[in-house]
Amino acid sequence: MAGPGSPLTTHVLNTAMGVPGSHMALSLYQQDSSTAAWNLITTGTTNDDGRCPGLITRERFTSGVYKMHFETGQYWESLGQTSFYPYVEIVFTIDSTSEKFHVPLLLSRFSYSTYRGS
């Protein structure tokens, strides 16, 4: 994992229970522009606040298409519940690496949403 000044951050919120989505496994990928293959950058787990600090360094953060893969099925299973979504993938494009990007995941067992924060 990168240091705390990551230009890309996420925050998982369990909206069904009104708590952070803590201890959820996630992976960050970047798509190879010539082959369209996904290259793993890092893996991590959300902390008690539902955040995963240090996803990527400023040096590694380049323009392109990225994907965050969240293991939502495992998360709900750890809470003794089932989920309609075994995982959630959020795919987004980074054009300006000088900006900070925040990509939260708002989650319940049967729905999810996301948006581009700052």
PDB file of N, CA and C in Angstrom:
ATOM      1  N   MET A   1       0.826  -1.184   0.000  1.00  0.00           N
ATOM      2  CA  MET A   1       0.000   0.000   0.000  1.00  0.00           C
ATOM      3  C   MET A   1       0.869   1.246   0.000  1.00  0.00           C
ATOM      4  N   ALA A   2       0.339   2.275  -0.583  1.00  0.00           N
ATOM      5  CA  ALA A   2       1.040   3.550  -0.664  1.00  0.00           C
ATOM      6  C   ALA A   2       0.911   4.304   0.654  1.00  0.00           C
ATOM      7  N   GLY A   3       1.594   5.414   0.738  1.00  0.00           N
ATOM      8  CA  GLY A   3       1.547   6.248   1.928  1.00  0.00           C
ATOM      9  C   GLY A   3       0.213   6.952   2.083  1.00  0.00           C
ATOM     10  N   PRO A   4       0.058   7.753   3.140  1.00  0.00           N
ATOM     11  CA  PRO A   4      -1.227   8.364   3.461  1.00  0.00           C
ATOM     12  C   PRO A   4      -1.678   9.451   2.500  1.00  0.00           C
ATOM     13  N   GLY A   5      -0.799   9.984   1.664  1.00  0.00           N
ATOM     14  CA  GLY A   5      -1.176  11.054   0.751  1.00  0.00           C
ATOM     15  C   GLY A   5      -1.699  10.573  -0.579  1.00  0.00           C
ATOM     16  N   SER A   6      -2.413   9.495  -0.606  1.00  0.00           N
ATOM     17  CA  SER A   6      -2.905   8.913  -1.853  1.00  0.00           C
ATOM     18  C   SER A   6      -3.816   9.882  -2.600  1.00  0.00           C
ATOM     19  N   PRO A   7      -3.619  10.032  -3.911  1.00  0.00           N
ATOM     20  CA  PRO A   7      -4.501  10.889  -4.702  1.00  0.00           C
ATOM     21  C   PRO A   7      -5.856  10.245  -4.998  1.00  0.00           C
ATOM     22  N   LEU A   8      -6.005   8.980  -4.624  1.00  0.00           N
ATOM     23  CA  LEU A   8      -7.239   8.234  -4.834  1.00  0.00           C
ATOM     24  C   LEU A   8      -7.656   7.608  -3.510  1.00  0.00           C
ATOM     25  N   THR A   9      -8.869   7.913  -3.074  1.00  0.00           N
ATOM     26  CA  THR A   9      -9.358   7.380  -1.802  1.00  0.00           C
ATOM     27  C   THR A   9     -10.740   6.769  -1.997  1.00  0.00           C
ATOM     28  N   THR A  10     -11.130   5.942  -1.025  1.00  0.00           N
ATOM     29  CA  THR A  10     -12.466   5.359  -1.024  1.00  0.00           C
ATOM     30  C   THR A  10     -12.979   5.309   0.405  1.00  0.00           C
ATOM     31  N   HIS A  11     -14.276   5.140   0.530  1.00  0.00           N
ATOM     32  CA  HIS A  11     -14.939   5.046   1.834  1.00  0.00           C
ATOM     33  C   HIS A  11     -16.172   4.190   1.629  1.00  0.00           C
ATOM     34  N   VAL A  12     -16.268   3.081   2.343  1.00  0.00           N
ATOM     35  CA  VAL A  12     -17.420   2.200   2.224  1.00  0.00           C
ATOM     36  C   VAL A  12     -18.359   2.478   3.390  1.00  0.00           C
ATOM     37  N   LEU A  13     -19.620   2.712   3.059  1.00  0.00           N
ATOM     38  CA  LEU A  13     -20.637   2.982   4.068  1.00  0.00           C
ATOM     39  C   LEU A  13     -21.748   1.944   3.956  1.00  0.00           C
ATOM     40  N   ASN A  14     -22.022   1.266   5.046  1.00  0.00           N
ATOM     41  CA  ASN A  14     -23.115   0.307   5.126  1.00  0.00           C
ATOM     42  C   ASN A  14     -24.369   1.124   5.445  1.00  0.00           C
ATOM     43  N   THR A  15     -25.110   1.474   4.406  1.00  0.00           N
ATOM     44  CA  THR A  15     -26.273   2.337   4.595  1.00  0.00           C
ATOM     45  C   THR A  15     -27.453   1.597   5.220  1.00  0.00           C
ATOM     46  N   ALA A  16     -27.454   0.281   5.150  1.00  0.00           N
ATOM     47  CA  ALA A  16     -28.536  -0.503   5.754  1.00  0.00           C
ATOM     48  C   ALA A  16     -28.476  -0.432   7.277  1.00  0.00           C
ATOM     49  N   MET A  17     -27.265  -0.380   7.815  1.00  0.00           N
ATOM     50  CA  MET A  17     -27.091  -0.369   9.264  1.00  0.00           C
ATOM     51  C   MET A  17     -26.616   0.984   9.794  1.00  0.00           C
ATOM     52  N   GLY A  18     -26.268   1.893   8.875  1.00  0.00           N
ATOM     53  CA  GLY A  18     -25.813   3.215   9.284  1.00  0.00           C
ATOM     54  C   GLY A  18     -24.440   3.214   9.914  1.00  0.00           C
ATOM     55  N   VAL A  19     -23.551   2.335   9.404  1.00  0.00           N
ATOM     56  CA  VAL A  19     -22.197   2.214   9.958  1.00  0.00           C
ATOM     57  C   VAL A  19     -21.179   2.151   8.821  1.00  0.00           C
ATOM     58  N   PRO A  20     -19.918   2.380   9.125  1.00  0.00           N
ATOM     59  CA  PRO A  20     -18.888   2.195   8.096  1.00  0.00           C
ATOM     60  C   PRO A  20     -18.811   0.733   7.663  1.00  0.00           C
ATOM     61  N   GLY A  21     -18.435   0.519   6.421  1.00  0.00           N
ATOM     62  CA  GLY A  21     -18.217  -0.837   5.896  1.00  0.00           C
ATOM     63  C   GLY A  21     -16.803  -1.271   6.238  1.00  0.00           C
ATOM     64  N   SER A  22     -16.595  -1.639   7.473  1.00  0.00           N
ATOM     65  CA  SER A  22     -15.247  -1.959   7.947  1.00  0.00           C
ATOM     66  C   SER A  22     -14.849  -3.394   7.619  1.00  0.00           C
ATOM     67  N   HIS A  23     -13.560  -3.587   7.440  1.00  0.00           N
ATOM     68  CA  HIS A  23     -12.942  -4.899   7.214  1.00  0.00           C
ATOM     69  C   HIS A  23     -13.415  -5.565   5.915  1.00  0.00           C
ATOM     70  N   MET A  24     -13.620  -4.738   4.883  1.00  0.00           N
ATOM     71  CA  MET A  24     -13.993  -5.256   3.569  1.00  0.00           C
ATOM     72  C   MET A  24     -12.753  -5.305   2.678  1.00  0.00           C
ATOM     73  N   ALA A  25     -12.505  -6.453   2.078  1.00  0.00           N
ATOM     74  CA  ALA A  25     -11.377  -6.601   1.153  1.00  0.00           C
ATOM     75  C   ALA A  25     -11.681  -5.867  -0.148  1.00  0.00           C
ATOM     76  N   LEU A  26     -10.644  -5.245  -0.699  1.00  0.00           N
ATOM     77  CA  LEU A  26     -10.797  -4.574  -1.983  1.00  0.00           C
ATOM     78  C   LEU A  26      -9.496  -4.645  -2.762  1.00  0.00           C
ATOM     79  N   SER A  27      -9.614  -4.465  -4.067  1.00  0.00           N
ATOM     80  CA  SER A  27      -8.457  -4.474  -4.972  1.00  0.00           C
ATOM     81  C   SER A  27      -8.572  -3.289  -5.914  1.00  0.00           C
ATOM     82  N   LEU A  28      -7.425  -2.734  -6.287  1.00  0.00           N
ATOM     83  CA  LEU A  28      -7.373  -1.641  -7.248  1.00  0.00           C
ATOM     84  C   LEU A  28      -6.608  -2.107  -8.478  1.00  0.00           C
ATOM     85  N   TYR A  29      -7.193  -1.879  -9.643  1.00  0.00           N
ATOM     86  CA  TYR A  29      -6.602  -2.278 -10.921  1.00  0.00           C
ATOM     87  C   TYR A  29      -6.512  -1.075 -11.851  1.00  0.00           C
ATOM     88  N   GLN A  30      -5.606  -1.149 -12.822  1.00  0.00           N
ATOM     89  CA  GLN A  30      -5.569  -0.192 -13.915  1.00  0.00           C
ATOM     90  C   GLN A  30      -5.602  -0.989 -15.220  1.00  0.00           C
ATOM     91  N   GLN A  31      -6.365  -0.479 -16.171  1.00  0.00           N
ATOM     92  CA  GLN A  31      -6.489  -1.172 -17.455  1.00  0.00           C
ATOM     93  C   GLN A  31      -5.334  -0.793 -18.379  1.00  0.00           C
ATOM     94  N   ASP A  32      -4.747  -1.804 -18.983  1.00  0.00           N
ATOM     95  CA  ASP A  32      -3.700  -1.593 -19.983  1.00  0.00           C
ATOM     96  C   ASP A  32      -4.373  -1.050 -21.239  1.00  0.00           C
ATOM     97  N   SER A  33      -3.967   0.125 -21.678  1.00  0.00           N
ATOM     98  CA  SER A  33      -4.630   0.770 -22.812  1.00  0.00           C
ATOM     99  C   SER A  33      -4.409   0.041 -24.137  1.00  0.00           C
ATOM    100  N   SER A  34      -3.369  -0.764 -24.233  1.00  0.00           N
ATOM    101  CA  SER A  34      -3.121  -1.462 -25.498  1.00  0.00           C
ATOM    102  C   SER A  34      -3.759  -2.849 -25.558  1.00  0.00           C
ATOM    103  N   THR A  35      -3.926  -3.513 -24.416  1.00  0.00           N
ATOM    104  CA  THR A  35      -4.484  -4.869 -24.420  1.00  0.00           C
ATOM    105  C   THR A  35      -5.856  -4.966 -23.760  1.00  0.00           C
ATOM    106  N   ALA A  36      -6.262  -3.930 -23.036  1.00  0.00           N
ATOM    107  CA  ALA A  36      -7.513  -3.901 -22.260  1.00  0.00           C
ATOM    108  C   ALA A  36      -7.484  -4.852 -21.069  1.00  0.00           C
ATOM    109  N   ALA A  37      -6.328  -5.434 -20.771  1.00  0.00           N
ATOM    110  CA  ALA A  37      -6.194  -6.309 -19.601  1.00  0.00           C
ATOM    111  C   ALA A  37      -6.146  -5.459 -18.338  1.00  0.00           C
ATOM    112  N   TRP A  38      -6.636  -6.033 -17.237  1.00  0.00           N
ATOM    113  CA  TRP A  38      -6.603  -5.347 -15.944  1.00  0.00           C
ATOM    114  C   TRP A  38      -5.343  -5.757 -15.193  1.00  0.00           C
ATOM    115  N   ASN A  39      -4.564  -4.773 -14.773  1.00  0.00           N
ATOM    116  CA  ASN A  39      -3.339  -5.011 -14.011  1.00  0.00           C
ATOM    117  C   ASN A  39      -3.558  -4.624 -12.554  1.00  0.00           C
ATOM    118  N   LEU A  40      -3.333  -5.577 -11.666  1.00  0.00           N
ATOM    119  CA  LEU A  40      -3.509  -5.334 -10.240  1.00  0.00           C
ATOM    120  C   LEU A  40      -2.458  -4.341  -9.747  1.00  0.00           C
ATOM    121  N   ILE A  41      -2.918  -3.305  -9.066  1.00  0.00           N
ATOM    122  CA  ILE A  41      -2.018  -2.325  -8.456  1.00  0.00           C
ATOM    123  C   ILE A  41      -1.799  -2.657  -6.990  1.00  0.00           C
ATOM    124  N   THR A  42      -2.890  -2.905  -6.273  1.00  0.00           N
ATOM    125  CA  THR A  42      -2.779  -3.199  -4.841  1.00  0.00           C
ATOM    126  C   THR A  42      -4.046  -3.865  -4.326  1.00  0.00           C
ATOM    127  N   THR A  43      -3.931  -4.467  -3.161  1.00  0.00           N
ATOM    128  CA  THR A  43      -5.084  -5.004  -2.440  1.00  0.00           C
ATOM    129  C   THR A  43      -5.064  -4.403  -1.043  1.00  0.00           C
ATOM    130  N   GLY A  44      -6.197  -4.398  -0.417  1.00  0.00           N
ATOM    131  CA  GLY A  44      -6.269  -3.863   0.937  1.00  0.00           C
ATOM    132  C   GLY A  44      -7.572  -4.251   1.604  1.00  0.00           C
ATOM    133  N   THR A  45      -7.751  -3.736   2.800  1.00  0.00           N
ATOM    134  CA  THR A  45      -8.950  -3.970   3.588  1.00  0.00           C
ATOM    135  C   THR A  45      -9.356  -2.659   4.235  1.00  0.00           C
ATOM    136  N   THR A  46     -10.634  -2.356   4.214  1.00  0.00           N
ATOM    137  CA  THR A  46     -11.075  -1.119   4.845  1.00  0.00           C
ATOM    138  C   THR A  46     -10.842  -1.181   6.351  1.00  0.00           C
ATOM    139  N   ASN A  47     -10.551  -0.030   6.932  1.00  0.00           N
ATOM    140  CA  ASN A  47     -10.307   0.055   8.367  1.00  0.00           C
ATOM    141  C   ASN A  47     -11.636   0.177   9.126  1.00  0.00           C
ATOM    142  N   ASP A  48     -11.560   0.438  10.422  1.00  0.00           N
ATOM    143  CA  ASP A  48     -12.769   0.529  11.242  1.00  0.00           C
ATOM    144  C   ASP A  48     -13.708   1.641  10.788  1.00  0.00           C
ATOM    145  N   ASP A  49     -13.158   2.647  10.102  1.00  0.00           N
ATOM    146  CA  ASP A  49     -13.956   3.769   9.615  1.00  0.00           C
ATOM    147  C   ASP A  49     -14.444   3.533   8.185  1.00  0.00           C
ATOM    148  N   GLY A  50     -14.170   2.351   7.609  1.00  0.00           N
ATOM    149  CA  GLY A  50     -14.613   2.038   6.259  1.00  0.00           C
ATOM    150  C   GLY A  50     -13.731   2.619   5.165  1.00  0.00           C
ATOM    151  N   ARG A  51     -12.551   3.102   5.559  1.00  0.00           N
ATOM    152  CA  ARG A  51     -11.629   3.714   4.596  1.00  0.00           C
ATOM    153  C   ARG A  51     -10.439   2.791   4.354  1.00  0.00           C
ATOM    154  N   CYS A  52      -9.798   2.988   3.220  1.00  0.00           N
ATOM    155  CA  CYS A  52      -8.610   2.208   2.872  1.00  0.00           C
ATOM    156  C   CYS A  52      -7.520   3.187   2.441  1.00  0.00           C
ATOM    157  N   PRO A  53      -6.830   3.765   3.416  1.00  0.00           N
ATOM    158  CA  PRO A  53      -5.839   4.795   3.090  1.00  0.00           C
ATOM    159  C   PRO A  53      -4.647   4.222   2.327  1.00  0.00           C
ATOM    160  N   GLY A  54      -4.032   5.080   1.530  1.00  0.00           N
ATOM    161  CA  GLY A  54      -2.809   4.695   0.835  1.00  0.00           C
ATOM    162  C   GLY A  54      -3.005   3.754  -0.326  1.00  0.00           C
ATOM    163  N   LEU A  55      -4.059   3.929  -1.101  1.00  0.00           N
ATOM    164  CA  LEU A  55      -4.308   3.024  -2.230  1.00  0.00           C
ATOM    165  C   LEU A  55      -3.220   3.075  -3.299  1.00  0.00           C
ATOM    166  N   ILE A  56      -2.722   4.275  -3.596  1.00  0.00           N
ATOM    167  CA  ILE A  56      -1.774   4.422  -4.700  1.00  0.00           C
ATOM    168  C   ILE A  56      -0.899   5.647  -4.452  1.00  0.00           C
ATOM    169  N   THR A  57       0.332   5.578  -4.858  1.00  0.00           N
ATOM    170  CA  THR A  57       1.225   6.728  -4.706  1.00  0.00           C
ATOM    171  C   THR A  57       0.966   7.735  -5.817  1.00  0.00           C
ATOM    172  N   ARG A  58       1.343   8.951  -5.580  1.00  0.00           N
ATOM    173  CA  ARG A  58       1.233  10.002  -6.596  1.00  0.00           C
ATOM    174  C   ARG A  58       2.054   9.624  -7.836  1.00  0.00           C
ATOM    175  N   GLU A  59       3.224   8.999  -7.631  1.00  0.00           N
ATOM    176  CA  GLU A  59       4.087   8.597  -8.743  1.00  0.00           C
ATOM    177  C   GLU A  59       3.449   7.503  -9.608  1.00  0.00           C
ATOM    178  N   ARG A  60       2.729   6.593  -8.998  1.00  0.00           N
ATOM    179  CA  ARG A  60       2.103   5.465  -9.717  1.00  0.00           C
ATOM    180  C   ARG A  60       0.777   5.861 -10.357  1.00  0.00           C
ATOM    181  N   PHE A  61       0.218   6.988  -9.913  1.00  0.00           N
ATOM    182  CA  PHE A  61      -1.093   7.453 -10.345  1.00  0.00           C
ATOM    183  C   PHE A  61      -0.977   8.131 -11.708  1.00  0.00           C
ATOM    184  N   THR A  62      -1.348   7.418 -12.756  1.00  0.00           N
ATOM    185  CA  THR A  62      -1.259   7.935 -14.124  1.00  0.00           C
ATOM    186  C   THR A  62      -2.660   7.983 -14.740  1.00  0.00           C
ATOM    187  N   SER A  63      -2.792   8.731 -15.796  1.00  0.00           N
ATOM    188  CA  SER A  63      -4.076   8.803 -16.503  1.00  0.00           C
ATOM    189  C   SER A  63      -4.443   7.417 -17.027  1.00  0.00           C
ATOM    190  N   GLY A  64      -5.727   7.138 -17.049  1.00  0.00           N
ATOM    191  CA  GLY A  64      -6.186   5.861 -17.562  1.00  0.00           C
ATOM    192  C   GLY A  64      -7.488   5.419 -16.927  1.00  0.00           C
ATOM    193  N   VAL A  65      -7.842   4.172 -17.191  1.00  0.00           N
ATOM    194  CA  VAL A  65      -9.064   3.570 -16.670  1.00  0.00           C
ATOM    195  C   VAL A  65      -8.694   2.688 -15.484  1.00  0.00           C
ATOM    196  N   TYR A  66      -9.401   2.888 -14.376  1.00  0.00           N
ATOM    197  CA  TYR A  66      -9.158   2.154 -13.136  1.00  0.00           C
ATOM    198  C   TYR A  66     -10.405   1.379 -12.736  1.00  0.00           C
ATOM    199  N   LYS A  67     -10.185   0.379 -11.890  1.00  0.00           N
ATOM    200  CA  LYS A  67     -11.292  -0.415 -11.350  1.00  0.00           C
ATOM    201  C   LYS A  67     -11.023  -0.701  -9.883  1.00  0.00           C
ATOM    202  N   MET A  68     -12.029  -0.439  -9.054  1.00  0.00           N
ATOM    203  CA  MET A  68     -11.997  -0.881  -7.655  1.00  0.00           C
ATOM    204  C   MET A  68     -12.945  -2.062  -7.531  1.00  0.00           C
ATOM    205  N   HIS A  69     -12.427  -3.148  -6.988  1.00  0.00           N
ATOM    206  CA  HIS A  69     -13.196  -4.387  -6.801  1.00  0.00           C
ATOM    207  C   HIS A  69     -13.399  -4.567  -5.302  1.00  0.00           C
ATOM    208  N   PHE A  70     -14.648  -4.572  -4.854  1.00  0.00           N
ATOM    209  CA  PHE A  70     -15.000  -4.703  -3.445  1.00  0.00           C
ATOM    210  C   PHE A  70     -15.618  -6.079  -3.199  1.00  0.00           C
ATOM    211  N   GLU A  71     -15.140  -6.793  -2.201  1.00  0.00           N
ATOM    212  CA  GLU A  71     -15.653  -8.133  -1.860  1.00  0.00           C
ATOM    213  C   GLU A  71     -16.869  -8.002  -0.935  1.00  0.00           C
ATOM    214  N   THR A  72     -17.985  -7.581  -1.507  1.00  0.00           N
ATOM    215  CA  THR A  72     -19.185  -7.308  -0.726  1.00  0.00           C
ATOM    216  C   THR A  72     -19.840  -8.578  -0.173  1.00  0.00           C
ATOM    217  N   GLY A  73     -19.795  -9.661  -0.929  1.00  0.00           N
ATOM    218  CA  GLY A  73     -20.388 -10.913  -0.445  1.00  0.00           C
ATOM    219  C   GLY A  73     -19.709 -11.409   0.814  1.00  0.00           C
ATOM    220  N   GLN A  74     -18.388 -11.382   0.829  1.00  0.00           N
ATOM    221  CA  GLN A  74     -17.630 -11.786   2.027  1.00  0.00           C
ATOM    222  C   GLN A  74     -17.940 -10.867   3.200  1.00  0.00           C
ATOM    223  N   TYR A  75     -18.084  -9.571   2.911  1.00  0.00           N
ATOM    224  CA  TYR A  75     -18.399  -8.599   3.967  1.00  0.00           C
ATOM    225  C   TYR A  75     -19.727  -8.944   4.627  1.00  0.00           C
ATOM    226  N   TRP A  76     -20.782  -9.128   3.828  1.00  0.00           N
ATOM    227  CA  TRP A  76     -22.092  -9.432   4.406  1.00  0.00           C
ATOM    228  C   TRP A  76     -22.086 -10.780   5.106  1.00  0.00           C
ATOM    229  N   GLU A  77     -21.373 -11.735   4.543  1.00  0.00           N
ATOM    230  CA  GLU A  77     -21.262 -13.051   5.189  1.00  0.00           C
ATOM    231  C   GLU A  77     -20.623 -12.928   6.569  1.00  0.00           C
ATOM    232  N   SER A  78     -19.631 -12.063   6.700  1.00  0.00           N
ATOM    233  CA  SER A  78     -18.975 -11.865   8.005  1.00  0.00           C
ATOM    234  C   SER A  78     -19.934 -11.267   9.036  1.00  0.00           C
ATOM    235  N   LEU A  79     -21.008 -10.651   8.547  1.00  0.00           N
ATOM    236  CA  LEU A  79     -22.031 -10.089   9.443  1.00  0.00           C
ATOM    237  C   LEU A  79     -23.197 -11.054   9.645  1.00  0.00           C
ATOM    238  N   GLY A  80     -23.063 -12.272   9.091  1.00  0.00           N
ATOM    239  CA  GLY A  80     -24.120 -13.276   9.230  1.00  0.00           C
ATOM    240  C   GLY A  80     -25.304 -13.035   8.314  1.00  0.00           C
ATOM    241  N   GLN A  81     -25.075 -12.324   7.204  1.00  0.00           N
ATOM    242  CA  GLN A  81     -26.149 -11.999   6.282  1.00  0.00           C
ATOM    243  C   GLN A  81     -25.757 -12.404   4.860  1.00  0.00           C
ATOM    244  N   THR A  82     -26.738 -12.448   3.991  1.00  0.00           N
ATOM    245  CA  THR A  82     -26.481 -12.723   2.586  1.00  0.00           C
ATOM    246  C   THR A  82     -26.599 -11.426   1.798  1.00  0.00           C
ATOM    247  N   SER A  83     -26.091 -11.440   0.580  1.00  0.00           N
ATOM    248  CA  SER A  83     -26.128 -10.262  -0.270  1.00  0.00           C
ATOM    249  C   SER A  83     -26.471 -10.659  -1.690  1.00  0.00           C
ATOM    250  N   PHE A  84     -27.180  -9.813  -2.378  1.00  0.00           N
ATOM    251  CA  PHE A  84     -27.507 -10.037  -3.782  1.00  0.00           C
ATOM    252  C   PHE A  84     -26.267  -9.900  -4.657  1.00  0.00           C
ATOM    253  N   TYR A  85     -25.318  -9.063  -4.224  1.00  0.00           N
ATOM    254  CA  TYR A  85     -24.098  -8.798  -4.985  1.00  0.00           C
ATOM    255  C   TYR A  85     -22.901  -9.480  -4.345  1.00  0.00           C
ATOM    256  N   PRO A  86     -22.304 -10.487  -4.992  1.00  0.00           N
ATOM    257  CA  PRO A  86     -21.128 -11.145  -4.421  1.00  0.00           C
ATOM    258  C   PRO A  86     -19.915 -10.226  -4.403  1.00  0.00           C
ATOM    259  N   TYR A  87     -19.878  -9.272  -5.322  1.00  0.00           N
ATOM    260  CA  TYR A  87     -18.832  -8.254  -5.353  1.00  0.00           C
ATOM    261  C   TYR A  87     -19.370  -7.040  -6.101  1.00  0.00           C
ATOM    262  N   VAL A  88     -18.704  -5.920  -5.922  1.00  0.00           N
ATOM    263  CA  VAL A  88     -19.035  -4.693  -6.650  1.00  0.00           C
ATOM    264  C   VAL A  88     -17.761  -4.199  -7.307  1.00  0.00           C
ATOM    265  N   GLU A  89     -17.857  -3.839  -8.578  1.00  0.00           N
ATOM    266  CA  GLU A  89     -16.726  -3.243  -9.281  1.00  0.00           C
ATOM    267  C   GLU A  89     -17.125  -1.850  -9.770  1.00  0.00           C
ATOM    268  N   ILE A  90     -16.296  -0.890  -9.459  1.00  0.00           N
ATOM    269  CA  ILE A  90     -16.507   0.479  -9.905  1.00  0.00           C
ATOM    270  C   ILE A  90     -15.387   0.804 -10.879  1.00  0.00           C
ATOM    271  N   VAL A  91     -15.751   1.114 -12.109  1.00  0.00           N
ATOM    272  CA  VAL A  91     -14.779   1.426 -13.160  1.00  0.00           C
ATOM    273  C   VAL A  91     -14.899   2.912 -13.467  1.00  0.00           C
ATOM    274  N   PHE A  92     -13.753   3.587 -13.535  1.00  0.00           N
ATOM    275  CA  PHE A  92     -13.762   5.038 -13.742  1.00  0.00           C
ATOM    276  C   PHE A  92     -12.503   5.463 -14.493  1.00  0.00           C
ATOM    277  N   THR A  93     -12.582   6.644 -15.092  1.00  0.00           N
ATOM    278  CA  THR A  93     -11.490   7.180 -15.891  1.00  0.00           C
ATOM    279  C   THR A  93     -10.833   8.356 -15.174  1.00  0.00           C
ATOM    280  N   ILE A  94      -9.511   8.336 -15.131  1.00  0.00           N
ATOM    281  CA  ILE A  94      -8.728   9.443 -14.580  1.00  0.00           C
ATOM    282  C   ILE A  94      -8.063  10.160 -15.751  1.00  0.00           C
ATOM    283  N   ASP A  95      -8.409  11.434 -15.918  1.00  0.00           N
ATOM    284  CA  ASP A  95      -7.805  12.246 -16.976  1.00  0.00           C
ATOM    285  C   ASP A  95      -6.763  13.214 -16.425  1.00  0.00           C
ATOM    286  N   SER A  96      -6.996  13.701 -15.221  1.00  0.00           N
ATOM    287  CA  SER A  96      -6.109  14.700 -14.625  1.00  0.00           C
ATOM    288  C   SER A  96      -5.519  14.154 -13.330  1.00  0.00           C
ATOM    289  N   THR A  97      -4.257  13.813 -13.362  1.00  0.00           N
ATOM    290  CA  THR A  97      -3.621  13.232 -12.173  1.00  0.00           C
ATOM    291  C   THR A  97      -3.223  14.285 -11.148  1.00  0.00           C
ATOM    292  N   SER A  98      -3.434  15.546 -11.450  1.00  0.00           N
ATOM    293  CA  SER A  98      -3.119  16.599 -10.480  1.00  0.00           C
ATOM    294  C   SER A  98      -4.247  16.796  -9.475  1.00  0.00           C
ATOM    295  N   GLU A  99      -5.402  16.200  -9.731  1.00  0.00           N
ATOM    296  CA  GLU A  99      -6.545  16.306  -8.828  1.00  0.00           C
ATOM    297  C   GLU A  99      -6.565  15.140  -7.848  1.00  0.00           C
ATOM    298  N   LYS A 100      -7.374  15.300  -6.790  1.00  0.00           N
ATOM    299  CA  LYS A 100      -7.614  14.216  -5.836  1.00  0.00           C
ATOM    300  C   LYS A 100      -8.982  13.617  -6.173  1.00  0.00           C
ATOM    301  N   PHE A 101      -9.074  12.305  -6.115  1.00  0.00           N
ATOM    302  CA  PHE A 101     -10.317  11.618  -6.442  1.00  0.00           C
ATOM    303  C   PHE A 101     -10.762  10.771  -5.258  1.00  0.00           C
ATOM    304  N   HIS A 102     -12.028  10.907  -4.907  1.00  0.00           N
ATOM    305  CA  HIS A 102     -12.625  10.124  -3.829  1.00  0.00           C
ATOM    306  C   HIS A 102     -13.783   9.337  -4.431  1.00  0.00           C
ATOM    307  N   VAL A 103     -13.737   8.001  -4.293  1.00  0.00           N
ATOM    308  CA  VAL A 103     -14.747   7.123  -4.902  1.00  0.00           C
ATOM    309  C   VAL A 103     -15.389   6.293  -3.797  1.00  0.00           C
ATOM    310  N   PRO A 104     -16.449   6.813  -3.170  1.00  0.00           N
ATOM    311  CA  PRO A 104     -17.110   6.078  -2.096  1.00  0.00           C
ATOM    312  C   PRO A 104     -18.063   5.012  -2.627  1.00  0.00           C
ATOM    313  N   LEU A 105     -18.342   4.041  -1.757  1.00  0.00           N
ATOM    314  CA  LEU A 105     -19.320   2.990  -2.055  1.00  0.00           C
ATOM    315  C   LEU A 105     -20.350   3.002  -0.944  1.00  0.00           C
ATOM    316  N   LEU A 106     -21.588   3.308  -1.275  1.00  0.00           N
ATOM    317  CA  LEU A 106     -22.707   3.265  -0.338  1.00  0.00           C
ATOM    318  C   LEU A 106     -23.438   1.958  -0.603  1.00  0.00           C
ATOM    319  N   LEU A 107     -23.604   1.151   0.436  1.00  0.00           N
ATOM    320  CA  LEU A 107     -23.940  -0.248   0.235  1.00  0.00           C
ATOM    321  C   LEU A 107     -25.021  -0.741   1.184  1.00  0.00           C
ATOM    322  N   SER A 108     -25.952  -1.515   0.629  1.00  0.00           N
ATOM    323  CA  SER A 108     -26.856  -2.334   1.438  1.00  0.00           C
ATOM    324  C   SER A 108     -26.815  -3.736   0.828  1.00  0.00           C
ATOM    325  N   ARG A 109     -27.569  -4.668   1.377  1.00  0.00           N
ATOM    326  CA  ARG A 109     -27.525  -6.039   0.860  1.00  0.00           C
ATOM    327  C   ARG A 109     -28.081  -6.154  -0.551  1.00  0.00           C
ATOM    328  N   PHE A 110     -28.967  -5.224  -0.934  1.00  0.00           N
ATOM    329  CA  PHE A 110     -29.644  -5.340  -2.221  1.00  0.00           C
ATOM    330  C   PHE A 110     -29.462  -4.131  -3.136  1.00  0.00           C
ATOM    331  N   SER A 111     -28.576  -3.227  -2.763  1.00  0.00           N
ATOM    332  CA  SER A 111     -28.324  -2.076  -3.633  1.00  0.00           C
ATOM    333  C   SER A 111     -26.980  -1.455  -3.292  1.00  0.00           C
ATOM    334  N   TYR A 112     -26.488  -0.654  -4.231  1.00  0.00           N
ATOM    335  CA  TYR A 112     -25.288   0.133  -3.977  1.00  0.00           C
ATOM    336  C   TYR A 112     -25.290   1.340  -4.891  1.00  0.00           C
ATOM    337  N   SER A 113     -24.539   2.352  -4.488  1.00  0.00           N
ATOM    338  CA  SER A 113     -24.348   3.522  -5.332  1.00  0.00           C
ATOM    339  C   SER A 113     -22.959   4.092  -5.063  1.00  0.00           C
ATOM    340  N   THR A 114     -22.539   4.928  -5.971  1.00  0.00           N
ATOM    341  CA  THR A 114     -21.227   5.547  -5.867  1.00  0.00           C
ATOM    342  C   THR A 114     -21.297   6.909  -6.535  1.00  0.00           C
ATOM    343  N   TYR A 115     -20.300   7.701  -6.321  1.00  0.00           N
ATOM    344  CA  TYR A 115     -20.195   9.003  -6.965  1.00  0.00           C
ATOM    345  C   TYR A 115     -18.750   9.440  -6.924  1.00  0.00           C
ATOM    346  N   ARG A 116     -18.437  10.471  -7.673  1.00  0.00           N
ATOM    347  CA  ARG A 116     -17.084  11.015  -7.647  1.00  0.00           C
ATOM    348  C   ARG A 116     -17.049  12.143  -6.627  1.00  0.00           C
ATOM    349  N   GLY A 117     -16.328  11.926  -5.545  1.00  0.00           N
ATOM    350  CA  GLY A 117     -16.148  12.960  -4.545  1.00  0.00           C
ATOM    351  C   GLY A 117     -14.803  13.634  -4.752  1.00  0.00           C
ATOM    352  N   SER A 118     -14.397  14.417  -3.764  1.00  0.00           N
ATOM    353  CA  SER A 118     -13.116  15.119  -3.889  1.00  0.00           C
ATOM    354  C   SER A 118     -12.312  14.978  -2.603  1.00  0.00           C
TER     355      SER A 118
END
